[in-house]
N, C-alpha and C. Protein backbone atom coordinates (compact mmCIF):
# COMPACT_ATOMS: atom_id res chain seq x y z
N MET A 1 -0.39 -1.04 15.09
CA MET A 1 -1.72 -1.51 15.36
C MET A 1 -1.62 -2.76 16.21
N ALA A 2 -2.63 -2.94 16.99
CA ALA A 2 -2.66 -4.13 17.82
C ALA A 2 -4.09 -4.60 17.93
N GLY A 3 -4.26 -5.87 18.07
CA GLY A 3 -5.61 -6.38 18.24
C GLY A 3 -5.68 -7.84 17.85
N LYS A 4 -6.86 -8.37 17.97
CA LYS A 4 -7.10 -9.77 17.66
C LYS A 4 -8.35 -9.88 16.80
N GLU A 5 -8.58 -11.06 16.31
CA GLU A 5 -9.77 -11.29 15.50
C GLU A 5 -11.00 -11.54 16.36
N ILE A 6 -10.80 -11.64 17.67
CA ILE A 6 -11.92 -11.85 18.58
C ILE A 6 -12.08 -10.62 19.47
N SER A 7 -13.27 -10.41 19.98
CA SER A 7 -13.52 -9.22 20.78
C SER A 7 -14.08 -9.60 22.14
N GLY A 8 -14.24 -8.62 22.97
CA GLY A 8 -14.80 -8.83 24.30
C GLY A 8 -13.73 -8.80 25.37
N ILE A 9 -14.16 -8.57 26.59
CA ILE A 9 -13.22 -8.43 27.71
C ILE A 9 -12.43 -9.72 27.94
N ALA A 10 -13.01 -10.85 27.65
CA ALA A 10 -12.29 -12.12 27.85
C ALA A 10 -11.12 -12.26 26.89
N ALA A 11 -11.15 -11.54 25.77
CA ALA A 11 -10.08 -11.62 24.78
C ALA A 11 -9.00 -10.57 25.02
N ALA A 12 -9.16 -9.73 26.04
CA ALA A 12 -8.19 -8.66 26.32
C ALA A 12 -6.81 -9.24 26.57
N ASP A 13 -5.79 -8.58 26.03
CA ASP A 13 -4.41 -9.04 26.17
C ASP A 13 -3.49 -7.83 26.16
N ALA A 14 -3.01 -7.44 27.33
CA ALA A 14 -2.15 -6.25 27.44
C ALA A 14 -0.85 -6.40 26.65
N SER A 15 -0.40 -7.61 26.39
CA SER A 15 0.85 -7.79 25.66
C SER A 15 0.74 -7.36 24.20
N CYS A 16 -0.49 -7.16 23.70
CA CYS A 16 -0.67 -6.68 22.32
C CYS A 16 0.04 -5.34 22.11
N PHE A 17 0.15 -4.57 23.17
CA PHE A 17 0.71 -3.23 23.06
C PHE A 17 2.17 -3.15 23.52
N ALA A 18 2.78 -4.27 23.84
CA ALA A 18 4.13 -4.26 24.41
C ALA A 18 5.18 -3.69 23.47
N ALA A 19 5.07 -3.91 22.18
CA ALA A 19 6.11 -3.49 21.24
C ALA A 19 5.65 -2.36 20.33
N ARG A 20 4.66 -1.62 20.75
CA ARG A 20 4.12 -0.57 19.88
C ARG A 20 5.12 0.58 19.72
N ILE A 21 4.98 1.30 18.63
CA ILE A 21 5.77 2.50 18.37
C ILE A 21 4.77 3.63 18.17
N ARG A 22 4.83 4.64 18.98
CA ARG A 22 3.86 5.73 18.90
C ARG A 22 4.37 6.80 17.95
N THR A 23 3.60 7.07 16.92
CA THR A 23 4.04 8.03 15.92
C THR A 23 4.14 9.43 16.47
N ASP A 24 3.24 9.82 17.37
CA ASP A 24 3.30 11.17 17.92
C ASP A 24 4.55 11.37 18.76
N ALA A 25 4.92 10.38 19.55
CA ALA A 25 6.13 10.48 20.37
C ALA A 25 7.37 10.58 19.49
N GLN A 26 7.40 9.80 18.42
CA GLN A 26 8.55 9.84 17.52
C GLN A 26 8.66 11.21 16.86
N ALA A 27 7.54 11.77 16.46
CA ALA A 27 7.57 13.09 15.83
C ALA A 27 8.07 14.15 16.81
N ARG A 28 7.64 14.10 18.06
CA ARG A 28 8.10 15.07 19.05
C ARG A 28 9.59 14.93 19.30
N ARG A 29 10.09 13.69 19.39
CA ARG A 29 11.52 13.49 19.59
C ARG A 29 12.32 14.07 18.43
N ARG A 30 11.83 13.85 17.22
CA ARG A 30 12.54 14.35 16.05
C ARG A 30 12.61 15.88 16.06
N ILE A 31 11.50 16.51 16.42
CA ILE A 31 11.47 17.98 16.48
C ILE A 31 12.45 18.48 17.53
N ARG A 32 12.54 17.79 18.66
CA ARG A 32 13.46 18.21 19.73
C ARG A 32 14.90 17.78 19.46
N GLY A 33 15.13 17.04 18.40
CA GLY A 33 16.48 16.61 18.08
C GLY A 33 16.95 15.40 18.87
N GLU A 34 16.04 14.72 19.53
CA GLU A 34 16.41 13.53 20.30
C GLU A 34 16.55 12.34 19.35
N PRO A 35 17.34 11.35 19.72
CA PRO A 35 17.51 10.19 18.84
C PRO A 35 16.22 9.40 18.71
N ARG A 36 16.06 8.79 17.57
CA ARG A 36 14.89 7.95 17.32
C ARG A 36 15.01 6.64 18.07
N ASP A 37 13.88 6.04 18.27
CA ASP A 37 13.82 4.69 18.81
C ASP A 37 14.57 3.79 17.84
N PRO A 38 15.47 2.94 18.31
CA PRO A 38 16.24 2.07 17.40
C PRO A 38 15.36 1.19 16.52
N ARG A 39 14.17 0.83 17.00
CA ARG A 39 13.26 0.02 16.18
C ARG A 39 12.82 0.80 14.96
N VAL A 40 12.60 2.10 15.14
CA VAL A 40 12.19 2.94 14.01
C VAL A 40 13.33 3.06 13.02
N THR A 41 14.55 3.29 13.53
CA THR A 41 15.72 3.42 12.67
C THR A 41 15.92 2.15 11.84
N GLU A 42 15.79 0.98 12.47
CA GLU A 42 15.96 -0.29 11.75
C GLU A 42 14.85 -0.49 10.72
N PHE A 43 13.63 -0.14 11.08
CA PHE A 43 12.52 -0.30 10.16
C PHE A 43 12.68 0.62 8.94
N VAL A 44 13.07 1.86 9.17
CA VAL A 44 13.29 2.81 8.07
C VAL A 44 14.41 2.29 7.16
N ALA A 45 15.47 1.74 7.75
CA ALA A 45 16.56 1.18 6.94
C ALA A 45 16.04 0.04 6.06
N LEU A 46 15.18 -0.81 6.60
CA LEU A 46 14.60 -1.91 5.82
C LEU A 46 13.76 -1.37 4.68
N ILE A 47 12.94 -0.39 4.95
CA ILE A 47 12.09 0.21 3.91
C ILE A 47 12.96 0.80 2.80
N LYS A 48 14.04 1.47 3.17
CA LYS A 48 14.94 2.06 2.17
C LYS A 48 15.62 0.98 1.33
N LYS A 49 15.97 -0.16 1.94
CA LYS A 49 16.56 -1.26 1.19
C LYS A 49 15.58 -1.81 0.15
N LEU A 50 14.31 -1.69 0.43
CA LEU A 50 13.28 -2.14 -0.50
C LEU A 50 12.99 -1.10 -1.58
N GLY A 51 13.72 0.00 -1.53
CA GLY A 51 13.57 1.03 -2.55
C GLY A 51 12.45 2.01 -2.28
N ARG A 52 12.02 2.11 -1.08
CA ARG A 52 10.93 3.02 -0.72
C ARG A 52 11.41 4.03 0.31
N GLY A 53 10.61 5.04 0.53
CA GLY A 53 10.92 6.05 1.54
C GLY A 53 10.02 5.87 2.75
N ALA A 54 10.37 6.53 3.82
CA ALA A 54 9.56 6.48 5.03
C ALA A 54 9.50 7.89 5.61
N ARG A 55 8.38 8.18 6.24
CA ARG A 55 8.26 9.47 6.92
C ARG A 55 7.39 9.29 8.15
N LEU A 56 7.63 10.13 9.13
CA LEU A 56 6.83 10.09 10.35
C LEU A 56 5.52 10.82 10.12
N ALA A 57 4.50 10.36 10.78
CA ALA A 57 3.18 10.98 10.65
C ALA A 57 2.64 11.28 12.04
N GLY A 58 1.88 12.33 12.12
CA GLY A 58 1.19 12.63 13.37
C GLY A 58 0.07 11.64 13.59
N CYS A 59 -0.48 11.64 14.78
CA CYS A 59 -1.54 10.67 15.13
C CYS A 59 -2.75 10.79 14.22
N GLU A 60 -3.21 12.00 13.95
CA GLU A 60 -4.42 12.15 13.14
C GLU A 60 -4.22 11.63 11.72
N ALA A 61 -3.07 11.98 11.11
CA ALA A 61 -2.80 11.50 9.75
C ALA A 61 -2.66 9.98 9.74
N HIS A 62 -1.98 9.44 10.73
CA HIS A 62 -1.82 7.99 10.82
C HIS A 62 -3.18 7.31 10.97
N ASP A 63 -4.01 7.82 11.86
CA ASP A 63 -5.32 7.20 12.10
C ASP A 63 -6.20 7.28 10.86
N ARG A 64 -6.15 8.39 10.14
CA ARG A 64 -6.94 8.54 8.92
C ARG A 64 -6.49 7.52 7.88
N ALA A 65 -5.18 7.40 7.69
CA ALA A 65 -4.65 6.43 6.72
C ALA A 65 -4.99 5.00 7.13
N ALA A 66 -4.85 4.70 8.40
CA ALA A 66 -5.15 3.35 8.88
C ALA A 66 -6.62 3.01 8.69
N ALA A 67 -7.48 3.98 8.93
CA ALA A 67 -8.92 3.74 8.74
C ALA A 67 -9.23 3.45 7.28
N ILE A 68 -8.61 4.19 6.38
CA ILE A 68 -8.85 3.96 4.95
C ILE A 68 -8.34 2.58 4.54
N VAL A 69 -7.13 2.27 4.96
CA VAL A 69 -6.52 0.99 4.57
C VAL A 69 -7.29 -0.19 5.16
N SER A 70 -7.76 -0.07 6.39
CA SER A 70 -8.42 -1.21 7.01
C SER A 70 -9.90 -1.31 6.69
N HIS A 71 -10.58 -0.19 6.48
CA HIS A 71 -12.02 -0.23 6.28
C HIS A 71 -12.44 -0.21 4.81
N LEU A 72 -11.69 0.45 3.96
CA LEU A 72 -12.09 0.57 2.56
C LEU A 72 -12.24 -0.79 1.88
N PRO A 73 -11.32 -1.74 2.04
CA PRO A 73 -11.51 -3.05 1.40
C PRO A 73 -12.81 -3.73 1.85
N GLN A 74 -13.14 -3.61 3.13
CA GLN A 74 -14.39 -4.22 3.62
C GLN A 74 -15.60 -3.55 2.97
N LEU A 75 -15.59 -2.23 2.88
CA LEU A 75 -16.71 -1.52 2.27
C LEU A 75 -16.85 -1.88 0.79
N LEU A 76 -15.73 -2.01 0.09
CA LEU A 76 -15.77 -2.40 -1.32
C LEU A 76 -16.31 -3.82 -1.48
N ALA A 77 -15.91 -4.72 -0.59
CA ALA A 77 -16.40 -6.09 -0.66
C ALA A 77 -17.90 -6.16 -0.44
N VAL A 78 -18.40 -5.37 0.51
CA VAL A 78 -19.84 -5.35 0.77
C VAL A 78 -20.58 -4.78 -0.44
N ALA A 79 -20.04 -3.70 -1.03
CA ALA A 79 -20.68 -3.11 -2.21
C ALA A 79 -20.69 -4.10 -3.37
N LEU A 80 -19.58 -4.80 -3.58
CA LEU A 80 -19.51 -5.79 -4.66
C LEU A 80 -20.51 -6.91 -4.43
N ALA A 81 -20.62 -7.38 -3.20
CA ALA A 81 -21.59 -8.44 -2.90
C ALA A 81 -23.01 -7.96 -3.20
N GLY A 82 -23.30 -6.70 -2.91
CA GLY A 82 -24.62 -6.15 -3.22
C GLY A 82 -24.89 -6.11 -4.71
N VAL A 83 -23.90 -5.73 -5.50
CA VAL A 83 -24.06 -5.70 -6.96
C VAL A 83 -24.28 -7.12 -7.49
N VAL A 84 -23.50 -8.06 -7.01
CA VAL A 84 -23.66 -9.45 -7.46
C VAL A 84 -25.05 -9.96 -7.11
N ARG A 85 -25.50 -9.68 -5.89
CA ARG A 85 -26.85 -10.12 -5.49
C ARG A 85 -27.91 -9.50 -6.40
N ASP A 86 -27.79 -8.19 -6.64
CA ASP A 86 -28.78 -7.51 -7.48
C ASP A 86 -28.78 -8.05 -8.91
N GLN A 87 -27.64 -8.40 -9.42
CA GLN A 87 -27.54 -8.85 -10.81
C GLN A 87 -27.89 -10.32 -10.99
N THR A 88 -27.87 -11.09 -9.92
CA THR A 88 -28.12 -12.54 -10.06
C THR A 88 -29.35 -13.02 -9.33
N ASP A 89 -30.03 -12.15 -8.61
CA ASP A 89 -31.23 -12.53 -7.85
C ASP A 89 -32.40 -12.76 -8.81
N GLU A 90 -32.89 -13.98 -8.84
CA GLU A 90 -34.01 -14.32 -9.73
C GLU A 90 -35.25 -14.69 -8.95
N THR A 91 -35.30 -14.32 -7.69
CA THR A 91 -36.45 -14.72 -6.86
C THR A 91 -37.74 -14.02 -7.26
N ASP A 92 -37.66 -12.87 -7.95
CA ASP A 92 -38.89 -12.16 -8.31
C ASP A 92 -39.28 -12.39 -9.77
N CYS A 93 -38.69 -13.39 -10.42
CA CYS A 93 -38.95 -13.65 -11.83
C CYS A 93 -39.97 -14.76 -12.03
N LEU A 94 -41.02 -14.77 -11.25
CA LEU A 94 -42.04 -15.84 -11.37
C LEU A 94 -43.06 -15.53 -12.40
């Protein structure tokens, strides 16, 4: 993922994408038997040292997971704020 906390054309920065790893390209290389990008190999080794596994994902699966991980906490926070407002709003108790 790449991006900033600010938006708009003035905030554009092509270097955000300089070190990206494309999951679809990695999956195609693996299917063709080509070597993985060394960055992927090193990252997978780190994940394994932490006692976890790693697997490649296609673009659609990756995007779906990223959307859930990035948007779900925001949606939950908004819902929680709504519940708190509803439970503590005393403006109509005159």
